N, C-alpha and C. Protein backbone atom coordinates (compact mmCIF):
# COMPACT_ATOMS: atom_id res chain seq x y z
N MET A 1 -25.30 4.31 40.42
CA MET A 1 -24.52 3.90 39.32
C MET A 1 -24.38 5.06 38.72
N LYS A 2 -22.94 5.33 38.19
CA LYS A 2 -22.60 6.35 37.19
C LYS A 2 -22.99 6.14 36.03
N ASN A 3 -22.98 7.21 35.11
CA ASN A 3 -23.40 7.20 33.86
C ASN A 3 -22.28 6.40 32.84
N LYS A 4 -22.85 5.75 31.86
CA LYS A 4 -21.73 4.80 31.19
C LYS A 4 -21.21 5.92 30.13
N LEU A 5 -20.01 5.45 29.90
CA LEU A 5 -19.28 6.41 28.62
C LEU A 5 -20.05 6.22 27.41
N ARG A 6 -20.19 7.21 26.71
CA ARG A 6 -20.81 7.05 25.25
C ARG A 6 -19.82 7.04 24.31
N ILE A 7 -19.69 6.01 23.64
CA ILE A 7 -18.64 5.76 22.59
C ILE A 7 -19.10 5.98 21.14
N GLY A 8 -18.42 6.82 20.42
CA GLY A 8 -18.64 6.85 18.82
C GLY A 8 -17.43 6.01 18.13
N ILE A 9 -17.89 5.23 17.01
CA ILE A 9 -16.70 4.51 16.34
C ILE A 9 -16.79 5.00 14.85
N LEU A 10 -15.48 5.41 14.43
CA LEU A 10 -15.38 5.78 13.05
C LEU A 10 -14.69 4.97 12.31
N LEU A 11 -15.32 4.34 11.22
CA LEU A 11 -14.84 3.10 10.45
C LEU A 11 -14.39 3.69 8.99
N ASP A 12 -13.21 3.36 8.44
CA ASP A 12 -12.75 3.65 7.15
C ASP A 12 -13.38 2.49 5.98
N SER A 13 -13.81 1.30 6.52
CA SER A 13 -14.42 0.39 5.63
C SER A 13 -15.42 -0.58 6.36
N ASP A 14 -15.99 -1.49 5.54
CA ASP A 14 -16.84 -2.64 6.26
C ASP A 14 -16.03 -3.51 7.01
N MET A 15 -14.65 -3.54 6.51
CA MET A 15 -13.83 -4.81 7.19
C MET A 15 -13.09 -4.15 8.23
N ILE A 16 -12.88 -4.87 9.31
CA ILE A 16 -12.12 -4.35 10.49
C ILE A 16 -11.25 -5.39 10.92
N THR A 17 -10.04 -5.20 11.45
CA THR A 17 -9.22 -6.09 11.90
C THR A 17 -9.69 -6.91 13.20
N ALA A 18 -9.06 -8.12 13.46
CA ALA A 18 -9.60 -8.75 14.52
C ALA A 18 -9.59 -8.36 15.94
N TRP A 19 -8.34 -7.44 16.11
CA TRP A 19 -8.23 -7.07 17.50
C TRP A 19 -9.25 -5.92 17.65
N SER A 20 -9.56 -5.03 16.60
CA SER A 20 -10.68 -4.01 16.74
C SER A 20 -11.83 -4.60 16.80
N TYR A 21 -12.32 -5.76 16.38
CA TYR A 21 -13.64 -6.50 16.67
C TYR A 21 -13.59 -6.85 18.02
N LYS A 22 -12.52 -7.44 18.49
CA LYS A 22 -12.52 -7.86 19.96
C LYS A 22 -12.65 -6.66 20.94
N MET A 23 -11.94 -5.55 20.60
CA MET A 23 -12.22 -4.32 21.30
C MET A 23 -13.67 -3.76 21.34
N LEU A 24 -14.23 -3.87 20.24
CA LEU A 24 -15.62 -3.53 20.07
C LEU A 24 -16.57 -4.40 20.96
N GLU A 25 -16.38 -5.73 20.83
CA GLU A 25 -17.05 -6.69 21.53
C GLU A 25 -17.10 -6.53 23.12
N GLU A 26 -15.76 -6.08 23.62
CA GLU A 26 -15.49 -5.75 25.02
C GLU A 26 -16.16 -4.53 25.49
N ILE A 27 -16.38 -3.62 24.56
CA ILE A 27 -16.81 -2.30 25.04
C ILE A 27 -18.39 -2.72 24.96
N LYS A 28 -18.94 -3.51 24.22
CA LYS A 28 -20.43 -3.76 24.03
C LYS A 28 -20.90 -4.49 25.33
N GLU A 29 -20.04 -5.41 25.86
CA GLU A 29 -20.38 -6.41 26.90
C GLU A 29 -20.06 -5.63 28.25
N SER A 30 -19.39 -4.37 28.29
CA SER A 30 -18.95 -3.70 29.51
C SER A 30 -19.98 -3.16 30.24
N ASN A 31 -19.98 -2.83 31.51
CA ASN A 31 -20.85 -2.24 32.35
C ASN A 31 -20.55 -0.74 32.40
N TYR A 32 -19.34 -0.29 31.89
CA TYR A 32 -18.93 1.05 31.95
C TYR A 32 -19.11 2.02 30.76
N ALA A 33 -19.26 1.44 29.61
CA ALA A 33 -19.27 1.93 28.29
C ALA A 33 -20.36 1.48 27.27
N GLU A 34 -20.78 2.38 26.25
CA GLU A 34 -21.68 1.85 25.44
C GLU A 34 -21.53 2.53 24.05
N ILE A 35 -21.64 1.75 22.88
CA ILE A 35 -21.55 2.24 21.64
C ILE A 35 -22.78 2.95 21.17
N VAL A 36 -22.90 4.35 21.04
CA VAL A 36 -24.05 5.13 20.65
C VAL A 36 -24.13 5.31 19.23
N VAL A 37 -22.95 5.42 18.46
CA VAL A 37 -22.97 5.60 16.95
C VAL A 37 -21.89 4.97 16.41
N ILE A 38 -22.00 4.60 15.11
CA ILE A 38 -21.09 4.18 14.04
C ILE A 38 -21.13 4.86 12.78
N VAL A 39 -19.95 5.48 12.48
CA VAL A 39 -19.96 6.26 11.34
C VAL A 39 -18.99 5.64 10.43
N GLN A 40 -19.42 5.31 9.04
CA GLN A 40 -18.53 4.88 8.20
C GLN A 40 -17.88 6.17 7.31
N ASN A 41 -16.69 6.23 7.20
CA ASN A 41 -16.07 7.27 6.49
C ASN A 41 -15.76 6.93 5.00
N ASN A 42 -16.67 7.50 4.16
CA ASN A 42 -16.50 7.14 2.72
C ASN A 42 -15.87 8.02 1.94
N ALA A 43 -15.43 9.16 2.53
CA ALA A 43 -14.69 10.24 1.86
C ALA A 43 -13.37 9.68 1.42
N ILE A 44 -12.73 8.78 2.00
CA ILE A 44 -11.52 8.16 1.66
C ILE A 44 -11.62 7.43 0.24
N LYS A 45 -12.53 6.93 -0.22
CA LYS A 45 -12.82 6.44 -1.43
C LYS A 45 -12.95 7.36 -2.38
N GLU A 46 -13.74 8.33 -2.20
CA GLU A 46 -14.18 9.48 -3.16
C GLU A 46 -12.75 10.26 -3.31
N LYS A 47 -12.02 10.46 -2.33
CA LYS A 47 -10.78 11.29 -2.42
C LYS A 47 -9.74 10.73 -3.35
N LYS A 48 -9.59 9.32 -3.16
CA LYS A 48 -8.71 8.40 -3.93
C LYS A 48 -9.00 8.79 -5.69
N LYS A 49 -10.31 8.62 -5.90
CA LYS A 49 -10.71 8.82 -7.21
C LYS A 49 -10.57 10.18 -7.83
N ILE A 50 -10.73 11.15 -7.01
CA ILE A 50 -10.50 12.44 -7.34
C ILE A 50 -9.17 12.70 -7.52
N ASN A 51 -8.17 12.22 -6.63
CA ASN A 51 -6.81 12.32 -6.72
C ASN A 51 -6.18 11.75 -8.12
N ILE A 52 -6.61 10.61 -8.35
CA ILE A 52 -6.23 9.90 -9.59
C ILE A 52 -6.42 10.80 -10.90
N LEU A 53 -7.80 11.26 -11.04
CA LEU A 53 -8.18 12.13 -11.96
C LEU A 53 -7.46 13.51 -11.96
N LYS A 54 -7.40 13.99 -11.00
CA LYS A 54 -6.44 15.23 -10.73
C LYS A 54 -4.94 15.13 -11.13
N LYS A 55 -4.47 13.90 -10.71
CA LYS A 55 -3.14 13.65 -11.15
C LYS A 55 -2.76 13.57 -12.69
N VAL A 56 -4.01 12.91 -13.25
CA VAL A 56 -3.65 12.81 -14.85
C VAL A 56 -3.72 14.00 -15.41
N PHE A 57 -5.02 14.72 -15.00
CA PHE A 57 -5.02 16.12 -15.74
C PHE A 57 -3.94 17.11 -15.55
N THR A 58 -3.37 17.15 -14.34
CA THR A 58 -2.37 18.15 -13.86
C THR A 58 -0.96 17.65 -14.57
N ASN A 59 -0.87 16.30 -14.77
CA ASN A 59 0.36 15.81 -15.49
C ASN A 59 0.34 15.32 -16.81
N PHE A 60 -0.85 15.81 -17.35
CA PHE A 60 -0.95 15.43 -19.00
C PHE A 60 -0.11 15.81 -19.96
N SER A 61 0.74 16.94 -19.59
CA SER A 61 1.67 17.49 -20.68
C SER A 61 2.81 16.39 -20.39
N SER A 62 3.43 16.19 -19.19
CA SER A 62 4.25 15.15 -19.06
C SER A 62 4.20 13.88 -19.46
N ILE A 63 2.89 13.41 -19.24
CA ILE A 63 2.30 11.86 -19.78
C ILE A 63 2.68 11.97 -21.07
N PHE A 64 2.06 13.18 -21.93
CA PHE A 64 2.10 13.20 -23.45
C PHE A 64 3.47 13.24 -23.81
N PHE A 65 4.40 13.91 -23.17
CA PHE A 65 5.94 14.25 -23.53
C PHE A 65 6.48 12.85 -23.53
N ASN A 66 6.25 12.05 -22.31
CA ASN A 66 6.95 10.65 -22.19
C ASN A 66 6.52 9.88 -23.40
N LEU A 67 5.13 9.84 -23.59
CA LEU A 67 4.81 8.96 -24.47
C LEU A 67 5.27 9.26 -26.09
N TYR A 68 5.25 10.79 -26.25
CA TYR A 68 6.24 11.11 -27.58
C TYR A 68 7.78 10.57 -27.47
N ASN A 69 8.07 10.80 -26.48
CA ASN A 69 9.61 10.40 -26.35
C ASN A 69 9.78 8.99 -26.66
N LYS A 70 8.98 8.08 -26.17
CA LYS A 70 9.10 6.60 -26.54
C LYS A 70 8.72 6.42 -27.98
N LEU A 71 7.77 6.96 -28.48
CA LEU A 71 7.28 6.69 -29.86
C LEU A 71 8.61 7.20 -30.69
N ASP A 72 9.12 8.26 -30.23
CA ASP A 72 10.13 8.88 -31.34
C ASP A 72 11.45 8.01 -31.00
N LYS A 73 11.76 7.51 -30.06
CA LYS A 73 12.86 6.56 -29.99
C LYS A 73 12.62 5.36 -30.88
N LYS A 74 11.32 4.80 -30.70
CA LYS A 74 11.18 3.45 -31.64
C LYS A 74 11.17 3.98 -33.07
N LEU A 75 10.63 5.03 -33.48
CA LEU A 75 10.55 5.34 -34.83
C LEU A 75 11.99 5.66 -35.53
N TYR A 76 12.77 6.39 -34.77
CA TYR A 76 14.04 6.92 -35.30
C TYR A 76 15.15 6.52 -34.18
N LYS A 77 15.58 5.32 -34.51
CA LYS A 77 16.51 4.84 -33.60
C LYS A 77 17.74 5.31 -33.91
N PRO A 78 18.73 5.63 -33.19
CA PRO A 78 20.10 6.59 -33.56
C PRO A 78 20.75 5.38 -34.26
N ASN A 79 21.60 5.81 -35.22
CA ASN A 79 22.41 4.97 -36.12
C ASN A 79 24.09 5.30 -35.56
N PRO A 80 24.56 4.14 -35.11
CA PRO A 80 25.79 4.30 -34.35
C PRO A 80 26.86 4.63 -35.49
N ARG A 81 26.57 4.29 -36.75
CA ARG A 81 27.63 4.42 -37.79
C ARG A 81 27.76 5.76 -38.16
N CYS A 82 26.77 6.55 -38.16
CA CYS A 82 26.54 7.88 -38.66
C CYS A 82 27.54 8.84 -37.91
N ILE A 83 28.52 9.41 -38.59
CA ILE A 83 29.58 10.35 -38.26
C ILE A 83 29.30 11.73 -38.49
N PHE A 84 29.17 12.33 -37.52
CA PHE A 84 29.00 14.14 -37.89
C PHE A 84 30.32 14.73 -38.11
N THR A 85 30.52 15.33 -39.19
CA THR A 85 31.80 16.06 -39.39
C THR A 85 31.80 17.62 -39.22
C-alpha cells in the first residue's frame, strides 16, 4: 500500500462552515489521506486591532479637524439675513 497524503489544515477561527467540516470528516475517514497538523491563524485578529489603532493615530489630524468643523457649525450658525457690502 502506498503512503497516505499528509494534510495540514490552516484555520482562521474556531468556527468553520458546514462544508468545511464535511470535507475534514471525509479526509479523516479516507484511506488515502490523514490530517497531521491543524494550525489556527491568530494573526488576523491581532492585525485588525493594530490596523484600527494605526488608522486612528495616522488620521488624528483629520478626525480632529472634522470634529472642530462640526462644533464650529453648531456654535456659529450662518445668519442668512447678514448682507456683506
